Amino acid sequence: MKKFRVYVTYKPSVFDPQGDTITDAAKDLGYQTVQAIHVGKFFDIEVDDTEGTAAQTVEELAEKLLVNFNLEVYRYEQLGED
């Protein structure tokens, strides 16, 4: 079994009101060096790789189910094997 983490974030051109609110709050707390905080999400996926297609499965899941390509981009990494 292989483990992957898929990171999904807004495209740079998409307004991120939650990230802006958190950035403002950080500055209000005295963290003036913080320039921007961006909000995203991640998914941990475990895939049986007996057929050698785990990475392909993760890419297909991301593109068909996890990512809204109008607003978001993704990347993934393999975390390990069991």
Protein backbone atom coordinates (compact mmCIF):
# COMPACT_ATOMS: atom_id res chain seq x y z
CA MET A 1 0.00 0.00 0.00
CA LYS A 2 1.24 3.50 -0.83
CA LYS A 3 0.26 6.67 0.96
CA PHE A 4 -0.13 10.03 -0.76
CA ARG A 5 -1.02 13.56 0.29
CA VAL A 6 -2.86 15.77 -2.19
CA TYR A 7 -2.65 19.53 -1.55
CA VAL A 8 -5.40 21.72 -3.00
CA THR A 9 -5.06 25.51 -3.01
CA TYR A 10 -6.69 28.45 -4.72
CA LYS A 11 -5.24 29.68 -7.99
CA PRO A 12 -3.22 32.89 -7.49
CA SER A 13 -5.91 34.89 -9.30
CA VAL A 14 -8.73 33.72 -6.98
CA PHE A 15 -9.77 35.93 -4.06
CA ASP A 16 -9.14 34.19 -0.72
CA PRO A 17 -11.27 36.01 1.89
CA GLN A 18 -10.51 33.51 4.65
CA GLY A 19 -6.77 33.84 4.06
CA ASP A 20 -7.07 37.64 4.09
CA THR A 21 -9.01 37.55 7.37
CA ILE A 22 -6.39 35.31 8.99
CA THR A 23 -3.59 37.54 7.68
CA ASP A 24 -5.27 40.60 9.20
CA ALA A 25 -5.76 38.79 12.51
CA ALA A 26 -2.09 37.78 12.61
CA LYS A 27 -1.09 41.41 12.08
CA ASP A 28 -3.53 42.51 14.79
CA LEU A 29 -1.77 40.07 17.14
CA GLY A 30 1.51 41.84 16.44
CA TYR A 31 2.96 39.68 13.66
CA GLN A 32 3.74 42.57 11.36
CA THR A 33 6.23 40.58 9.28
CA VAL A 34 3.44 38.28 8.03
CA GLN A 35 2.69 39.33 4.47
CA ALA A 36 0.03 36.78 3.48
CA ILE A 37 -1.59 33.59 4.68
CA HIS A 38 -3.26 31.38 2.09
CA VAL A 39 -5.91 28.81 2.89
CA GLY A 40 -5.89 25.34 1.37
CA LYS A 41 -6.73 21.77 2.20
CA PHE A 42 -5.12 18.38 1.92
CA PHE A 43 -6.29 14.81 1.49
CA ASP A 44 -4.41 11.73 2.68
CA ILE A 45 -5.04 8.79 0.38
CA GLU A 46 -3.96 5.17 0.84
CA VAL A 47 -3.86 3.12 -2.34
CA ASP A 48 -3.26 -0.59 -2.92
CA ASP A 49 -0.44 -0.60 -5.47
CA THR A 50 -0.43 -4.26 -6.51
CA GLU A 51 -0.97 -3.15 -10.12
CA GLY A 52 1.63 -0.36 -10.00
CA THR A 53 -0.89 2.38 -10.76
CA ALA A 54 -1.15 4.16 -7.40
CA ALA A 55 0.13 7.54 -8.62
CA GLN A 56 -2.20 7.42 -11.63
CA THR A 57 -5.13 6.62 -9.32
CA VAL A 58 -4.29 9.61 -7.10
CA GLU A 59 -4.05 11.94 -10.10
CA GLU A 60 -7.39 10.73 -11.46
CA LEU A 61 -9.07 11.14 -8.07
CA ALA A 62 -7.71 14.66 -7.72
CA GLU A 63 -8.79 15.68 -11.20
CA LYS A 64 -12.24 14.05 -11.12
CA LEU A 65 -13.26 14.51 -7.48
CA LEU A 66 -11.06 16.69 -5.29
CA VAL A 67 -10.22 19.79 -7.33
CA ASN A 68 -12.43 22.50 -8.79
CA PHE A 69 -10.23 23.57 -11.71
CA ASN A 70 -12.12 26.86 -12.06
CA LEU A 71 -10.73 27.96 -8.69
CA GLU A 72 -8.06 25.54 -7.54
CA VAL A 73 -4.79 23.83 -8.37
CA TYR A 74 -3.25 20.74 -6.80
CA ARG A 75 -0.04 18.89 -6.23
CA TYR A 76 0.66 15.61 -4.51
CA GLU A 77 3.47 13.73 -2.88
CA GLN A 78 4.03 10.17 -1.89
CA LEU A 79 4.32 9.85 1.89
CA GLY A 80 5.40 6.25 2.18
CA GLU A 81 4.62 2.60 1.74
CA ASP A 82 3.33 -0.05 4.12
